[in-house]
Amino acid sequence: MDVFLAKRFTYLSRSYWKRNLSAGKILLNGKAAKPSHLLREGEEVEYLPEETEEPPVDSRFTILYEEDRFFAVGKPGDLPVHASGKYRKNNLVDLLEADGRFGRPYLVHRLDRETSGVVLFGKDPKTASILSSFFSDRLVSKTYLATVVGRFPDRILARGVLGPDSGSKIRKKRKFLPEENLPSNVSDTEWEFSETFFRKAGEGIWNGRRVSNVICRPKTGRLHQIRATLFSLGFPLVGDKMYGEDEDVFLEYIEGKEPDLILRLGWDRQALHALSLRFPHPYQNRILRISEPIPSEFRL
């Protein structure tokens, strides 16, 4: 049983599942499971995690832009956009609703929890749907600032595909393959076309490491596009647990072992900031550009 769980959920160790089996938190067909049990087809496995207190978050969001039907928020770097996992109330959508100024906010797009920067909301379903269609139709120009480990080249146009990283212990980790080096076994069902333009914006020392600031302009909108592409190019984000220099940090972190993130990764969150969005106004014949100033931590 523990072997199956460790292989199925590769981001949690076999010893983690052994502890939960011993504690009776894994049920097999409604009864406490034994580690030695050999699973058969049709059997039902259930995991009963402990109810945990929500982790604290940085709730200091700012309103960057507002009109009658939509608004933009500057999200801090340790705040989920919406409810997920252990973050049930400590997330941007719930904080905005509790704030009372915006009624029910309708999320237009997403950022990773640890990514700071511009997030767009509609004040009604119709406006949110129009704005969301701009993203899917690639009518939105997105600009990010990243701080990466190493000396980045002056510029890189990364065209290729993103897909599962089969060599990683982290099941949801992805990797980027440049179009000039695509193997013949790349499947259309698992791999997506990806294009990102990168330009170096500065260089310096961060916590004793040589790092570069990089302007990132994704032309496509793929899951983990910037993080996975930079990692695959050999320039991981400072502070990135999943796509950093040591993926064991991510495994330890989600198991609650609290690794020394600053010592091992340079920062306690990934160094990625959503700098600006440029898009058509949903009801007027003009282009909007909404930006948030560069956080002081990114200034080398």
Protein backbone atom coordinates (compact mmCIF):
# COMPACT_ATOMS: atom_id res chain seq x y z
CA MET A 1 0.00 0.00 0.00
CA ASP A 2 2.74 2.48 0.95
CA VAL A 3 4.64 1.69 -2.27
CA PHE A 4 1.54 2.38 -4.38
CA LEU A 5 0.85 5.70 -2.63
CA ALA A 6 4.47 6.86 -2.95
CA LYS A 7 4.46 6.05 -6.69
CA ARG A 8 1.05 7.62 -7.26
CA PHE A 9 1.82 10.80 -5.31
CA THR A 10 5.50 11.26 -6.06
CA TYR A 11 5.77 14.59 -4.24
CA LEU A 12 5.25 12.77 -0.90
CA SER A 13 7.75 10.21 0.37
CA ARG A 14 7.13 6.56 1.18
CA SER A 15 7.94 7.25 4.85
CA TYR A 16 5.22 9.93 4.88
CA TRP A 17 2.63 7.39 3.73
CA LYS A 18 3.93 4.78 6.18
CA ARG A 19 3.37 7.22 9.05
CA ASN A 20 -0.18 7.92 7.88
CA LEU A 21 -0.93 4.22 7.46
CA SER A 22 0.33 3.52 10.99
CA ALA A 23 -1.83 6.36 12.32
CA GLY A 24 -4.94 4.89 10.66
CA LYS A 25 -5.43 7.85 8.31
CA ILE A 26 -5.54 5.69 5.17
CA LEU A 27 -8.74 3.69 4.70
CA LEU A 28 -9.24 0.72 2.40
CA ASN A 29 -12.89 0.11 1.55
CA GLY A 30 -13.85 2.09 4.64
CA LYS A 31 -11.48 0.37 7.10
CA ALA A 32 -7.97 1.18 8.31
CA ALA A 33 -5.49 -0.09 5.71
CA LYS A 34 -2.35 -2.13 6.36
CA PRO A 35 0.97 -1.18 4.71
CA SER A 36 1.43 -4.76 3.51
CA HIS A 37 -1.89 -4.95 1.66
CA LEU A 38 -1.65 -5.59 -2.10
CA LEU A 39 -4.19 -3.44 -3.89
CA ARG A 40 -6.68 -5.02 -6.27
CA GLU A 41 -8.68 -3.41 -9.04
CA GLY A 42 -11.89 -1.85 -7.76
CA GLU A 43 -10.72 -1.29 -4.18
CA GLU A 44 -11.27 2.19 -2.75
CA VAL A 45 -8.48 4.05 -0.96
CA GLU A 46 -9.36 7.08 1.18
CA TYR A 47 -7.00 9.51 2.89
CA LEU A 48 -8.13 11.31 6.06
CA PRO A 49 -5.77 14.27 6.58
CA GLU A 50 -5.84 16.14 9.85
CA GLU A 51 -7.79 19.39 9.92
CA THR A 52 -5.08 22.04 10.02
CA GLU A 53 -5.08 25.73 10.83
CA GLU A 54 -4.74 27.94 7.79
CA PRO A 55 -1.20 29.24 7.29
CA PRO A 56 -0.72 32.99 7.71
CA VAL A 57 -0.52 35.04 4.50
CA ASP A 58 0.51 38.52 3.44
CA SER A 59 -2.88 40.20 3.05
CA ARG A 60 -1.62 43.68 2.09
CA PHE A 61 -3.14 43.96 -1.39
CA THR A 62 -3.40 47.31 -3.19
CA ILE A 63 -5.97 48.62 -5.67
CA LEU A 64 -4.09 49.61 -8.82
CA TYR A 65 -6.99 50.57 -11.09
CA GLU A 66 -10.79 50.71 -10.85
CA GLU A 67 -13.74 51.39 -13.15
CA ASP A 68 -17.46 50.71 -12.83
CA ARG A 69 -17.20 47.16 -14.19
CA PHE A 70 -13.69 45.92 -13.41
CA PHE A 71 -10.62 46.61 -11.31
CA ALA A 72 -7.01 45.50 -10.88
CA VAL A 73 -5.24 44.49 -7.69
CA GLY A 74 -1.58 44.37 -6.72
CA LYS A 75 -1.17 40.97 -5.07
CA PRO A 76 1.63 40.39 -2.53
CA GLY A 77 3.97 37.45 -2.98
CA ASP A 78 2.58 35.12 -0.33
CA LEU A 79 -1.15 35.10 -1.01
CA PRO A 80 -3.20 32.57 -3.01
CA VAL A 81 -5.52 34.11 -5.60
CA HIS A 82 -8.43 31.79 -4.72
CA ALA A 83 -9.30 29.09 -2.18
CA SER A 84 -7.19 25.96 -2.62
CA GLY A 85 -5.97 23.19 -0.34
CA LYS A 86 -5.20 24.48 3.14
CA TYR A 87 -5.96 28.08 2.11
CA ARG A 88 -9.72 28.21 2.62
CA LYS A 89 -10.26 31.86 3.63
CA ASN A 90 -6.77 33.33 3.43
CA ASN A 91 -6.87 34.11 -0.29
CA LEU A 92 -7.28 37.22 -2.44
CA VAL A 93 -10.85 36.54 -3.64
CA ASP A 94 -12.17 36.06 -0.09
CA LEU A 95 -10.23 39.05 1.25
CA LEU A 96 -11.69 41.28 -1.46
CA GLU A 97 -15.21 40.04 -0.76
CA ALA A 98 -14.74 40.64 2.97
CA ASP A 99 -13.41 44.13 2.22
CA GLY A 100 -16.91 45.09 1.04
CA ARG A 101 -15.97 47.71 -1.56
CA PHE A 102 -16.32 45.49 -4.62
CA GLY A 103 -19.31 43.24 -3.94
CA ARG A 104 -18.55 39.82 -5.34
CA PRO A 105 -15.27 39.90 -7.30
CA TYR A 106 -15.03 37.76 -10.44
CA LEU A 107 -11.50 36.50 -11.05
CA VAL A 108 -10.32 36.94 -14.66
CA HIS A 109 -6.97 35.12 -14.58
CA ARG A 110 -4.59 33.56 -12.06
CA LEU A 111 -1.13 33.93 -10.59
CA ASP A 112 0.78 31.36 -8.56
CA ARG A 113 0.54 31.92 -4.80
CA GLU A 114 4.17 33.07 -4.54
CA THR A 115 4.06 35.34 -7.60
CA SER A 116 3.34 38.98 -6.81
CA GLY A 117 1.83 41.56 -9.12
CA VAL A 118 -1.18 42.59 -11.20
CA VAL A 119 -4.42 40.55 -11.00
CA LEU A 120 -7.56 41.54 -12.91
CA PHE A 121 -11.15 41.19 -11.64
CA GLY A 122 -14.57 41.83 -13.12
CA LYS A 123 -17.38 43.30 -11.04
CA ASP A 124 -19.97 41.26 -12.94
CA PRO A 125 -19.93 37.92 -14.81
CA LYS A 126 -20.27 39.50 -18.28
CA THR A 127 -17.26 41.79 -17.89
CA ALA A 128 -15.17 39.03 -16.35
CA SER A 129 -16.05 36.77 -19.30
CA ILE A 130 -15.06 39.43 -21.85
CA LEU A 131 -11.74 40.09 -20.12
CA SER A 132 -11.08 36.37 -19.77
CA SER A 133 -11.64 35.91 -23.52
CA PHE A 134 -8.92 38.51 -24.17
CA PHE A 135 -6.46 36.21 -22.38
CA SER A 136 -7.53 33.07 -24.26
CA ASP A 137 -7.46 34.97 -27.60
CA ARG A 138 -3.94 36.27 -26.82
CA LEU A 139 -5.01 39.91 -26.84
CA VAL A 140 -3.29 40.59 -23.51
CA SER A 141 0.39 41.53 -23.38
CA LYS A 142 1.86 40.30 -20.09
CA THR A 143 5.19 41.46 -18.69
CA TYR A 144 6.92 39.86 -15.71
CA LEU A 145 10.13 40.51 -13.82
CA ALA A 146 12.11 37.50 -12.61
CA THR A 147 15.33 37.18 -10.64
CA VAL A 148 17.25 34.09 -11.74
CA VAL A 149 20.40 32.32 -10.62
CA GLY A 150 23.40 32.94 -12.88
CA ARG A 151 24.49 35.34 -15.64
CA PHE A 152 21.62 35.51 -18.09
CA PRO A 153 22.33 36.29 -21.79
CA ASP A 154 21.23 39.65 -23.19
CA ARG A 155 18.10 38.07 -24.68
CA ILE A 156 16.53 34.70 -25.49
CA LEU A 157 13.46 33.83 -27.57
CA ALA A 158 12.37 30.47 -26.16
CA ARG A 159 10.12 28.68 -28.68
CA GLY A 160 9.29 25.04 -28.15
CA VAL A 161 6.99 22.83 -26.12
CA LEU A 162 6.11 22.37 -22.45
CA GLY A 163 5.20 18.98 -21.05
CA PRO A 164 5.65 16.57 -18.13
CA ASP A 165 9.11 16.19 -16.63
CA SER A 166 9.27 12.40 -16.40
CA GLY A 167 12.69 12.54 -14.74
CA SER A 168 11.45 14.51 -11.74
CA LYS A 169 10.22 13.17 -8.41
CA ILE A 170 7.57 15.92 -8.47
CA ARG A 171 4.60 14.64 -10.46
CA LYS A 172 3.24 18.02 -11.57
CA LYS A 173 6.61 19.45 -12.60
CA ARG A 174 6.99 20.43 -16.26
CA LYS A 175 9.92 20.98 -18.59
CA PHE A 176 10.59 23.02 -21.71
CA LEU A 177 12.08 21.58 -24.90
CA PRO A 178 13.30 24.05 -27.57
CA GLU A 179 11.81 23.54 -31.03
CA GLU A 180 15.20 22.83 -32.62
CA ASN A 181 15.81 19.86 -30.29
CA LEU A 182 12.44 18.12 -30.20
CA PRO A 183 12.68 14.31 -29.91
CA SER A 184 10.48 12.18 -32.16
CA ASN A 185 8.48 10.78 -29.23
CA VAL A 186 6.98 14.14 -28.20
CA SER A 187 3.21 13.62 -28.09
CA ASP A 188 0.67 16.27 -29.07
CA THR A 189 -1.57 15.17 -26.21
CA GLU A 190 1.00 15.82 -23.46
CA TRP A 191 3.03 18.69 -24.90
CA GLU A 192 1.90 22.26 -25.64
CA PHE A 193 3.51 24.89 -27.85
CA SER A 194 5.16 27.60 -25.77
CA GLU A 195 6.84 30.90 -26.62
CA THR A 196 8.47 33.39 -24.25
CA PHE A 197 10.76 36.35 -24.89
CA PHE A 198 13.38 37.04 -22.20
CA ARG A 199 15.60 40.13 -21.88
CA LYS A 200 18.22 40.75 -19.21
CA ALA A 201 17.49 43.90 -17.18
CA GLY A 202 20.35 43.82 -14.69
CA GLU A 203 22.86 41.74 -12.78
CA GLY A 204 24.11 41.62 -9.21
CA ILE A 205 24.61 39.65 -6.01
CA TRP A 206 21.67 38.34 -3.94
CA ASN A 207 22.44 36.62 -0.62
CA GLY A 208 25.91 35.79 -1.89
CA ARG A 209 24.78 34.44 -5.29
CA ARG A 210 25.34 35.86 -8.76
CA VAL A 211 21.86 36.61 -10.12
CA SER A 212 20.20 38.41 -13.03
CA ASN A 213 16.99 40.36 -13.34
CA VAL A 214 15.08 39.25 -16.44
CA ILE A 215 12.08 40.81 -18.19
CA CYS A 216 9.76 37.99 -19.32
CA ARG A 217 7.08 38.35 -21.98
CA PRO A 218 5.10 35.13 -22.48
CA LYS A 219 3.34 34.96 -25.84
CA THR A 220 1.40 31.84 -24.84
CA GLY A 221 -0.28 31.18 -21.49
CA ARG A 222 0.83 27.75 -20.29
CA LEU A 223 0.95 26.35 -16.76
CA HIS A 224 4.28 27.24 -15.10
CA GLN A 225 5.47 28.62 -18.45
CA ILE A 226 8.04 31.14 -17.20
CA ARG A 227 9.29 29.04 -14.28
CA ALA A 228 9.64 25.79 -16.23
CA THR A 229 11.24 27.48 -19.24
CA LEU A 230 13.84 29.37 -17.20
CA PHE A 231 14.66 26.21 -15.23
CA SER A 232 15.10 24.19 -18.43
CA LEU A 233 17.34 26.92 -19.87
CA GLY A 234 19.60 26.60 -16.82
CA PHE A 235 18.49 29.75 -14.97
CA PRO A 236 16.12 28.77 -12.13
CA LEU A 237 14.20 31.46 -10.29
CA VAL A 238 15.66 32.51 -6.97
CA GLY A 239 13.48 30.97 -4.24
CA ASP A 240 11.55 28.57 -6.50
CA LYS A 241 10.87 25.39 -4.53
CA MET A 242 9.61 23.28 -7.44
CA TYR A 243 11.82 24.63 -10.22
CA GLY A 244 14.82 25.54 -8.08
CA GLU A 245 18.32 24.15 -7.77
CA ASP A 246 17.22 21.39 -5.37
CA GLU A 247 13.75 19.86 -5.84
CA ASP A 248 14.10 18.00 -2.52
CA VAL A 249 13.34 21.38 -0.92
CA PHE A 250 9.83 21.20 -2.41
CA LEU A 251 9.30 17.64 -1.14
CA GLU A 252 10.45 18.60 2.36
CA TYR A 253 8.34 21.76 2.32
CA ILE A 254 5.05 20.05 1.50
CA GLU A 255 5.73 17.39 4.13
CA GLY A 256 5.99 20.17 6.72
CA LYS A 257 9.70 19.78 7.46
CA GLU A 258 10.36 23.55 7.08
CA PRO A 259 13.68 23.54 5.20
CA ASP A 260 15.88 26.64 5.45
CA LEU A 261 14.60 28.26 2.26
CA ILE A 262 16.81 31.34 2.32
CA LEU A 263 19.97 29.27 2.87
CA ARG A 264 19.14 26.71 0.17
CA LEU A 265 17.20 28.77 -2.40
CA GLY A 266 18.13 32.39 -1.68
CA TRP A 267 14.61 33.56 -0.74
CA ASP A 268 11.52 32.20 0.99
CA ARG A 269 9.37 32.66 -2.14
CA GLN A 270 9.88 32.53 -5.89
CA ALA A 271 11.29 35.76 -7.33
CA LEU A 272 8.61 36.43 -9.94
CA HIS A 273 6.54 39.62 -10.23
CA ALA A 274 3.67 40.26 -12.69
CA LEU A 275 4.75 43.74 -13.71
CA SER A 276 2.03 44.82 -16.15
CA LEU A 277 -0.98 43.90 -18.30
CA ARG A 278 -1.80 45.61 -21.59
CA PHE A 279 -5.22 44.81 -23.09
CA PRO A 280 -8.22 46.28 -24.98
CA HIS A 281 -10.82 48.08 -22.89
CA PRO A 282 -13.89 45.79 -22.80
CA TYR A 283 -16.36 48.61 -23.64
CA GLN A 284 -14.33 51.45 -25.16
CA ASN A 285 -12.12 51.70 -28.23
CA ARG A 286 -8.82 52.13 -26.40
CA ILE A 287 -5.94 50.14 -24.94
CA LEU A 288 -5.27 49.97 -21.21
CA ARG A 289 -1.95 49.31 -19.51
CA ILE A 290 -2.04 48.53 -15.80
CA SER A 291 1.22 48.10 -13.91
CA GLU A 292 2.53 47.71 -10.39
CA PRO A 293 5.89 49.17 -9.33
CA ILE A 294 8.82 46.79 -8.97
CA PRO A 295 9.06 45.57 -5.35
CA SER A 296 12.16 46.82 -3.55
CA GLU A 297 13.42 43.24 -3.05
CA PHE A 298 13.94 42.87 -6.82
CA ARG A 299 16.24 45.90 -7.11
CA LEU A 300 19.80 44.62 -7.49
